[in-house]
Protein backbone atom coordinates (compact mmCIF):
# COMPACT_ATOMS: atom_id res chain seq x y z
CA MET A 1 19.70 -38.43 4.54
CA LEU A 2 18.97 -34.71 3.85
CA SER A 3 20.45 -32.97 0.94
CA VAL A 4 21.86 -29.59 2.51
CA LYS A 5 22.97 -26.41 1.14
CA THR A 6 25.48 -24.17 2.80
CA PRO A 7 24.29 -20.76 4.46
CA GLU A 8 25.81 -18.67 1.64
CA GLU A 9 23.95 -20.95 -0.82
CA VAL A 10 20.59 -20.39 1.07
CA LEU A 11 20.92 -16.52 0.95
CA ALA A 12 21.77 -16.76 -2.91
CA LEU A 13 18.59 -18.83 -3.37
CA ILE A 14 16.43 -16.17 -1.42
CA GLU A 15 17.92 -13.62 -3.88
CA SER A 16 17.20 -15.58 -7.09
CA GLU A 17 13.98 -16.86 -6.24
CA PHE A 18 11.95 -14.06 -4.28
CA ASP A 19 11.59 -10.21 -5.37
CA ASN A 20 9.88 -7.10 -3.73
CA LEU A 21 6.21 -7.67 -3.69
CA GLY A 22 5.92 -3.81 -4.55
CA LYS A 23 2.96 -3.25 -2.13
CA THR A 24 3.21 0.32 -1.12
CA GLU A 25 1.18 2.95 0.73
CA LEU A 26 1.29 6.44 1.79
CA VAL A 27 1.47 7.19 5.57
CA SER A 28 1.52 10.31 7.62
CA LEU A 29 4.94 11.73 8.72
CA TYR A 30 3.80 10.94 12.28
CA ALA A 31 3.42 7.38 11.22
CA ALA A 32 6.41 6.76 9.57
CA MET A 33 8.70 5.66 12.19
CA GLY A 34 10.51 2.38 11.45
CA ARG A 35 8.71 1.90 8.20
CA VAL A 36 10.47 0.82 4.98
CA LEU A 37 10.97 3.82 2.44
CA ALA A 38 9.42 2.65 -0.93
CA GLU A 39 10.68 5.46 -2.83
CA ASP A 40 13.85 7.58 -3.01
CA ILE A 41 13.29 11.13 -1.34
CA MET A 42 14.64 13.90 -3.37
CA ALA A 43 14.86 17.43 -1.93
CA GLU A 44 12.60 20.02 -3.82
CA GLU A 45 13.62 23.12 -2.16
CA TYR A 46 16.58 24.74 -0.09
CA VAL A 47 17.04 23.89 3.59
CA PRO A 48 17.81 26.25 4.85
CA ASP A 49 16.16 28.77 2.48
CA PHE A 50 18.15 31.39 3.95
CA ASP A 51 21.89 32.16 5.19
CA ARG A 52 21.70 31.86 8.96
CA SER A 53 23.77 32.41 12.09
CA THR A 54 25.15 29.41 14.31
CA VAL A 55 25.85 31.82 17.31
CA ASP A 56 24.98 35.09 18.96
CA GLY A 57 26.92 37.96 17.50
CA TYR A 58 27.41 40.15 14.40
CA ALA A 59 27.32 39.61 10.92
CA VAL A 60 30.38 41.13 8.98
CA ARG A 61 32.36 40.98 5.80
CA ALA A 62 35.26 39.00 6.76
CA LYS A 63 37.74 41.32 4.98
CA ASP A 64 36.47 44.28 7.27
CA THR A 65 37.91 42.34 10.23
CA PHE A 66 41.43 41.25 8.95
CA GLY A 67 44.16 41.98 11.16
CA CYS A 68 42.12 43.19 14.00
CA SER A 69 42.87 42.07 17.72
CA ASP A 70 42.20 43.07 21.45
CA ALA A 71 44.73 45.90 21.16
CA ILE A 72 43.61 47.18 17.64
CA PRO A 73 39.89 46.25 17.27
CA ALA A 74 38.18 46.66 13.93
CA ILE A 75 35.60 49.75 14.32
CA LEU A 76 32.36 48.75 12.13
CA SER A 77 29.04 50.99 11.94
CA LEU A 78 26.02 48.93 13.44
CA ALA A 79 23.85 48.79 10.55
CA GLY A 80 20.84 47.30 12.09
CA GLU A 81 19.79 44.12 13.99
CA VAL A 82 17.92 40.97 12.76
CA LEU A 83 15.25 39.40 14.95
CA MET A 84 14.76 35.61 15.26
CA GLY A 85 11.97 34.64 12.74
CA GLU A 86 12.35 37.96 10.78
CA GLY A 87 14.27 38.13 7.39
CA ALA A 88 17.04 40.23 6.82
CA GLU A 89 15.83 43.01 4.53
CA PHE A 90 18.68 45.06 3.96
CA LYS A 91 22.35 44.44 2.44
CA LEU A 92 25.44 44.66 4.67
CA GLU A 93 27.92 47.42 3.17
CA LYS A 94 31.65 48.24 3.50
CA GLU A 95 32.76 48.43 7.17
CA THR A 96 29.32 47.85 8.64
CA CYS A 97 27.83 44.93 10.66
CA CYS A 98 24.49 43.58 11.91
CA ALA A 99 23.44 42.08 15.12
CA VAL A 100 22.26 38.71 14.46
CA PRO A 101 20.73 35.57 17.08
CA THR A 102 21.53 32.23 16.72
CA GLY A 103 19.59 30.47 13.97
CA GLY A 104 18.82 34.27 12.74
CA ALA A 105 18.93 35.40 9.07
CA VAL A 106 22.38 36.86 7.92
CA PRO A 107 21.97 39.82 5.60
CA GLU A 108 23.07 39.98 1.95
CA GLY A 109 26.70 41.15 1.86
CA ALA A 110 27.84 39.33 5.12
CA ASP A 111 30.16 36.12 4.58
CA SER A 112 30.79 35.41 8.38
CA VAL A 113 29.53 35.97 12.04
CA VAL A 114 31.71 36.97 15.01
CA MET A 115 30.68 35.61 18.22
CA ILE A 116 29.37 38.50 20.78
CA GLU A 117 32.17 37.43 23.24
CA TYR A 118 34.71 38.82 20.84
CA THR A 119 33.09 42.11 20.26
CA GLU A 120 32.33 45.48 22.19
CA ASP A 121 29.25 47.72 21.79
CA TYR A 122 30.88 51.36 22.16
CA GLY A 123 27.16 52.89 22.70
CA ASP A 124 28.00 55.34 19.93
CA GLY A 125 26.71 53.25 16.95
CA THR A 126 29.76 51.44 16.68
CA ILE A 127 31.13 47.94 17.40
CA GLY A 128 34.46 46.95 18.03
CA ILE A 129 35.56 43.44 16.51
CA MET A 130 38.55 41.95 18.59
CA LYS A 131 38.82 38.74 16.69
CA SER A 132 39.47 38.38 12.86
CA ALA A 133 36.60 36.31 10.98
CA ALA A 134 37.09 33.93 7.98
CA PRO A 135 34.60 33.52 5.41
CA GLY A 136 32.08 31.14 6.41
CA MET A 137 32.74 31.26 9.84
CA ASN A 138 29.80 30.71 12.22
CA MET A 139 27.28 30.42 9.17
CA ILE A 140 25.17 28.07 7.40
CA PHE A 141 24.55 29.29 3.95
CA ARG A 142 21.39 28.51 1.96
CA GLY A 143 21.17 24.96 0.92
CA ASP A 144 23.94 23.70 2.96
CA ASP A 145 21.65 21.08 4.17
CA VAL A 146 19.75 20.09 1.13
CA PHE A 147 19.09 21.86 -2.11
CA PRO A 148 16.56 20.83 -5.14
CA GLY A 149 17.45 17.56 -6.67
CA LYS A 150 19.61 16.30 -3.98
CA LEU A 151 19.14 12.64 -2.87
CA VAL A 152 18.31 12.70 0.88
CA LEU A 153 16.98 9.17 1.64
CA LYS A 154 17.32 5.93 -0.39
CA LYS A 155 14.30 3.80 -0.96
CA GLY A 156 14.59 0.49 1.31
CA ARG A 157 15.67 2.41 4.30
CA VAL A 158 14.18 1.67 7.58
CA LEU A 159 13.04 5.24 8.63
CA SER A 160 14.69 6.31 11.86
CA SER A 161 13.84 9.32 14.16
CA GLN A 162 16.62 11.25 12.55
CA ASP A 163 15.23 10.58 9.13
CA ILE A 164 11.60 11.71 10.28
CA GLY A 165 13.42 15.11 11.23
CA ALA A 166 14.95 15.40 7.75
CA LEU A 167 11.61 14.87 6.29
CA ALA A 168 9.79 17.31 8.53
CA ALA A 169 12.54 19.86 7.39
CA MET A 170 11.49 19.30 3.71
CA GLY A 171 7.77 19.48 4.44
CA LYS A 172 7.16 15.89 3.68
CA MET A 173 3.93 15.25 5.74
CA GLU A 174 3.07 12.33 3.56
CA VAL A 175 5.67 9.44 2.96
CA PRO A 176 5.54 6.62 0.77
CA VAL A 177 6.48 3.18 2.55
CA ALA A 178 6.14 -0.58 1.83
CA LYS A 179 3.08 -2.07 2.90
CA ARG A 180 3.66 -4.28 6.34
CA LEU A 181 4.11 -7.76 5.46
CA HIS A 182 1.43 -10.24 6.55
CA VAL A 183 3.12 -13.33 7.90
CA GLY A 184 1.18 -16.30 9.09
CA ILE A 185 2.68 -18.82 11.65
CA ILE A 186 1.70 -22.30 12.50
CA SER A 187 3.07 -24.67 14.96
CA THR A 188 2.99 -28.59 14.49
CA GLY A 189 3.02 -31.72 16.84
CA ASP A 190 0.84 -33.86 18.61
CA GLU A 191 3.01 -32.94 22.11
CA LEU A 192 2.25 -29.26 21.84
CA VAL A 193 -0.12 -27.25 23.96
CA PRO A 194 -0.69 -23.39 24.05
CA PRO A 195 1.54 -21.50 26.63
CA GLU A 196 -1.34 -20.78 28.94
CA GLU A 197 -2.13 -24.63 29.37
CA LYS A 198 -0.31 -26.98 31.98
CA PRO A 199 1.30 -29.84 29.86
CA ALA A 200 0.25 -33.36 30.70
CA ALA A 201 2.75 -36.08 30.54
CA GLY A 202 4.51 -36.31 27.17
CA GLN A 203 3.36 -32.66 26.52
CA ILE A 204 5.19 -29.41 26.25
CA ARG A 205 4.20 -25.77 25.74
CA ASP A 206 4.37 -24.17 22.33
CA VAL A 207 7.35 -22.07 22.68
CA ASN A 208 7.65 -21.25 18.97
CA SER A 209 4.57 -19.34 18.04
CA PRO A 210 4.82 -16.52 20.54
CA MET A 211 8.88 -16.35 19.86
CA LEU A 212 8.47 -16.08 16.08
CA GLN A 213 5.46 -13.77 16.56
CA ALA A 214 7.57 -11.41 18.79
CA MET A 215 10.41 -11.61 16.27
CA LEU A 216 8.42 -10.78 13.32
CA MET A 217 6.58 -8.15 14.99
CA GLY A 218 9.66 -6.72 16.18
CA PHE A 219 10.76 -6.53 12.46
CA GLY A 220 7.63 -4.59 11.43
CA CYS A 221 5.32 -7.52 10.26
CA GLU A 222 1.66 -7.98 11.09
CA VAL A 223 1.16 -11.72 12.20
CA THR A 224 -1.55 -14.11 12.35
CA ASN A 225 -1.00 -17.07 14.67
CA TYR A 226 -2.95 -19.85 13.19
CA GLY A 227 -2.28 -22.09 16.19
CA ILE A 228 -1.01 -25.53 16.82
CA GLY A 229 -1.68 -28.29 14.00
CA LYS A 230 -1.78 -31.78 15.14
CA ASP A 231 0.35 -34.44 13.01
CA ASP A 232 -2.54 -34.87 10.43
CA GLU A 233 -1.51 -34.18 6.96
CA ALA A 234 -5.04 -33.16 5.85
CA LEU A 235 -5.60 -30.58 8.49
CA LEU A 236 -2.07 -29.29 8.11
CA THR A 237 -2.62 -29.02 4.37
CA SER A 238 -6.04 -27.13 5.24
CA MET A 239 -4.27 -24.59 7.64
CA VAL A 240 -1.67 -23.85 5.19
CA GLU A 241 -3.84 -23.21 2.36
CA ARG A 242 -5.73 -20.84 4.60
CA ALA A 243 -2.77 -19.04 5.60
CA PHE A 244 -1.67 -18.76 1.97
CA ASP A 245 -4.91 -17.00 1.02
CA GLU A 246 -4.14 -14.52 3.85
CA CYS A 247 -0.70 -13.84 4.12
CA ASP A 248 2.44 -12.75 2.13
CA ALA A 249 4.40 -15.63 3.93
CA VAL A 250 3.88 -18.69 5.98
CA LEU A 251 6.14 -20.04 8.81
CA ILE A 252 5.63 -23.76 9.77
CA SER A 253 7.71 -24.86 13.07
CA GLY A 254 8.13 -28.45 13.48
CA GLY A 255 7.80 -31.43 11.31
CA SER A 256 10.84 -30.81 9.03
CA SER A 257 12.77 -33.73 10.15
CA VAL A 258 12.91 -36.99 8.22
CA GLY A 259 10.14 -39.13 9.84
CA VAL A 260 6.72 -40.95 9.52
CA LYS A 261 4.66 -38.04 10.77
CA ASP A 262 6.55 -35.34 9.03
CA ALA A 263 4.21 -33.74 6.70
CA THR A 264 5.63 -30.31 5.99
CA CYS A 265 7.79 -31.37 3.20
CA ARG A 266 4.79 -33.18 1.44
CA ILE A 267 2.58 -30.11 1.93
CA ILE A 268 5.02 -27.96 0.29
CA GLU A 269 5.54 -30.15 -2.75
CA LYS A 270 1.65 -30.58 -3.10
CA LEU A 271 1.10 -26.75 -2.87
CA GLY A 272 4.43 -25.58 -4.90
CA THR A 273 7.94 -26.06 -5.37
CA LEU A 274 10.34 -27.28 -2.58
CA LEU A 275 13.52 -25.20 -3.11
CA LEU A 276 15.74 -26.80 -0.20
CA HIS A 277 15.66 -29.38 2.62
CA GLY A 278 18.41 -28.81 5.13
CA ILE A 279 21.02 -26.09 5.71
CA ALA A 280 24.45 -26.95 6.86
CA MET A 281 24.26 -25.38 10.12
CA LYS A 282 24.09 -25.95 13.81
CA PRO A 283 21.52 -25.54 15.05
CA GLY A 284 18.86 -25.71 12.47
CA LYS A 285 19.85 -28.45 9.72
CA PRO A 286 16.42 -29.69 9.30
CA THR A 287 15.04 -26.58 7.71
CA LEU A 288 12.61 -26.47 4.56
CA MET A 289 11.81 -23.64 1.90
CA GLY A 290 9.54 -23.66 -0.66
CA LYS A 291 7.52 -21.47 -3.14
CA ALA A 292 3.82 -21.60 -3.92
CA GLN A 293 1.40 -18.92 -5.47
CA GLY A 294 4.61 -16.91 -5.82
CA LYS A 295 4.80 -16.64 -1.82
CA PRO A 296 7.48 -18.37 0.32
CA ILE A 297 6.75 -20.78 2.70
CA VAL A 298 9.50 -22.07 5.29
CA GLY A 299 9.47 -25.16 7.50
CA LEU A 300 11.47 -24.30 10.55
CA PRO A 301 12.83 -26.82 13.03
CA GLY A 302 10.76 -27.69 15.84
CA HIS A 303 13.49 -27.01 18.42
CA PRO A 304 13.20 -23.32 19.67
CA VAL A 305 16.84 -22.29 19.51
CA ALA A 306 17.11 -23.96 16.13
CA ALA A 307 13.91 -21.93 14.76
CA TYR A 308 15.35 -18.83 16.31
CA PHE A 309 18.77 -18.80 14.38
CA VAL A 310 17.10 -19.77 11.16
CA THR A 311 14.59 -17.05 11.31
CA LYS A 312 17.12 -14.65 12.45
CA LEU A 313 19.64 -15.57 9.77
CA PHE A 314 17.48 -16.58 6.76
CA VAL A 315 13.65 -15.75 7.22
CA LEU A 316 14.17 -12.04 8.00
CA PRO A 317 16.52 -11.65 4.98
CA LEU A 318 13.85 -13.32 2.97
CA LEU A 319 10.83 -10.94 4.31
CA SER A 320 13.57 -8.16 3.76
CA ARG A 321 13.57 -9.12 0.12
CA LEU A 322 9.76 -9.07 -0.26
CA GLU A 323 9.47 -5.80 1.22
CA GLY A 324 12.33 -4.18 -0.61
CA ARG A 325 14.15 -3.47 2.75
CA ASP A 326 17.88 -2.64 2.90
CA MET A 327 18.61 -4.73 5.77
CA GLN A 328 21.43 -4.10 8.06
CA ARG A 329 23.16 -6.29 10.68
CA TYR A 330 25.52 -4.70 13.21
CA ALA A 331 28.48 -6.20 14.87
CA VAL A 332 31.12 -5.50 17.20
CA LYS A 333 34.61 -6.99 17.86
CA ALA A 334 34.80 -8.89 21.29
CA ARG A 335 37.09 -11.66 22.93
CA LEU A 336 35.75 -14.99 23.88
CA THR A 337 35.77 -15.61 27.52
CA GLU A 338 36.36 -19.48 27.06
CA SER A 339 36.96 -21.94 24.24
CA VAL A 340 33.98 -23.11 21.95
CA GLY A 341 34.36 -26.63 19.99
CA ALA A 342 32.59 -26.78 16.62
CA ASN A 343 31.22 -29.63 14.26
CA HIS A 344 33.52 -29.78 11.13
CA GLY A 345 31.56 -29.28 8.10
CA ARG A 346 28.49 -27.23 9.26
CA ALA A 347 28.56 -23.55 10.46
CA GLN A 348 28.02 -23.18 14.08
CA TYR A 349 26.03 -20.24 15.47
CA GLN A 350 26.44 -19.23 18.90
CA SER A 351 24.43 -17.10 21.23
CA VAL A 352 26.58 -14.73 23.85
CA ARG A 353 26.25 -12.17 26.46
CA LEU A 354 28.59 -9.12 26.32
CA GLU A 355 30.45 -7.55 29.30
CA ARG A 356 32.94 -4.69 29.18
CA ARG A 357 36.21 -5.01 31.46
CA GLU A 358 38.70 -2.16 31.42
CA GLY A 359 37.85 -1.08 28.00
CA VAL A 360 37.79 -4.45 26.33
CA LEU A 361 34.42 -6.24 25.31
CA TYR A 362 34.29 -9.71 26.17
CA ALA A 363 31.54 -12.30 24.90
CA SER A 364 30.44 -15.18 27.04
CA PRO A 365 29.08 -18.16 25.19
CA ILE A 366 25.58 -19.28 26.28
CA ARG A 367 25.83 -23.10 26.47
CA SER A 368 22.40 -24.32 25.39
CA LYS A 369 20.92 -27.31 23.50
CA SER A 370 18.70 -26.64 20.47
CA GLY A 371 15.63 -27.81 22.47
CA LEU A 372 16.27 -25.33 25.13
CA ILE A 373 15.08 -21.95 25.24
CA THR A 374 15.53 -20.21 28.62
CA ASN A 375 19.23 -20.10 28.40
CA LEU A 376 18.78 -17.68 25.55
CA ALA A 377 17.00 -15.03 27.45
CA GLY A 378 19.44 -12.17 28.04
CA ALA A 379 21.43 -13.11 24.92
CA GLU A 380 23.06 -9.92 23.39
CA GLY A 381 24.30 -11.13 20.39
CA TRP A 382 25.51 -14.07 18.54
CA PHE A 383 28.47 -15.10 16.28
CA CYS A 384 29.33 -17.65 13.96
CA ILE A 385 32.19 -20.37 13.71
CA GLU A 386 32.75 -21.24 9.95
CA ARG A 387 31.97 -24.68 8.67
CA ASP A 388 35.82 -25.53 8.26
CA CYS A 389 36.79 -24.47 11.59
CA GLU A 390 36.99 -26.99 14.44
CA GLY A 391 36.74 -24.33 17.12
CA LEU A 392 37.79 -21.35 18.54
CA ALA A 393 40.15 -20.60 21.70
CA LYS A 394 39.90 -18.56 24.69
CA ASP A 395 40.58 -14.83 24.11
CA ALA A 396 40.01 -15.26 20.34
CA GLU A 397 38.79 -12.03 18.73
CA ILE A 398 35.38 -12.58 17.27
CA GLU A 399 32.68 -10.75 15.33
CA VAL A 400 29.68 -10.42 17.48
CA PHE A 401 26.32 -9.67 15.80
CA THR A 402 24.00 -7.71 17.96
CA GLU A 403 20.38 -8.28 18.47
CA GLN A 404 19.31 -4.75 16.70
CA GLU A 405 18.61 -5.20 13.01
CA ALA A 406 17.29 -2.70 10.57
């Protein structure tokens, strides 16, 4: 009988046993997309570095336009024009205005811009203003975006395209990021053959290695697939030792249930410390986690759906811990299209497909046994039935976690 921990206890164990490896590097701004920021980014300059207009129109002093209208326009002298990409080299005086383009610099003394649609050029050096301006209207002031000392991006953030834009605006051409984690994958089992081979009687293709490699690469890791290890403890020990020498973390799928040939548990204990043997969840109960040479080793269930959920729920948070990543999961509210039963005493995880009907999001459970993987193809999210709940009824509102993670 396995001594199991709850999912919450497993996550707490990860927090207590593992920490940020602290491996960082500088990369080009153009190569920083999707990387984990290793340091807080503080602004060192003003962005923008000048007051600028958000519309085509005339820069004015707002108090010179108060009370004006179509019937009684404010008549202002045209003091000049600012061209795009040029500075405003003069100060706007009382009852004057200046023509400015969208994005153009606004001269000193002006505190608002009137859209050109509300003005009229009389052709004699004066401009009629038909709409009152309020201070700050249609303007971005120096430092409105960022200013020296402002925290712009926090370390641990997975950089998005918007973040790259912000870094570009500040002239940050080299970005400090966490080094990509190197993870080793080993599949075990005498019954396994590589995906490219046709299985003989009693054999099955190795699903977990390519699935796990895809999940980890999608998470930003470098992956080495060490292939299939047969149920030979000496051979598996040699494979694991090599993986530990070359990687930051090692995943072994299969060989985690209690049985004569199950060597993963013994290998972990031989190399380091076994931290847990079993999680109170379905699917995924026969999961192992250990620590050797300061590195994590996870023994995943051999059944693909179970391996998928354990990786999603625990391996990715573990890798986030090593990388210093601020991992985010995104959830949406949806209604169940059918009732779902659950095993009392274990958290149950269920994949779903999502469909919107008349403005309401519905989640359709994907019925699958843990040994079947093809039913997961097309899954758009998953939800959890808590361990003390015996099931959920049709139309129950649930929280669906989407497949996107950062």
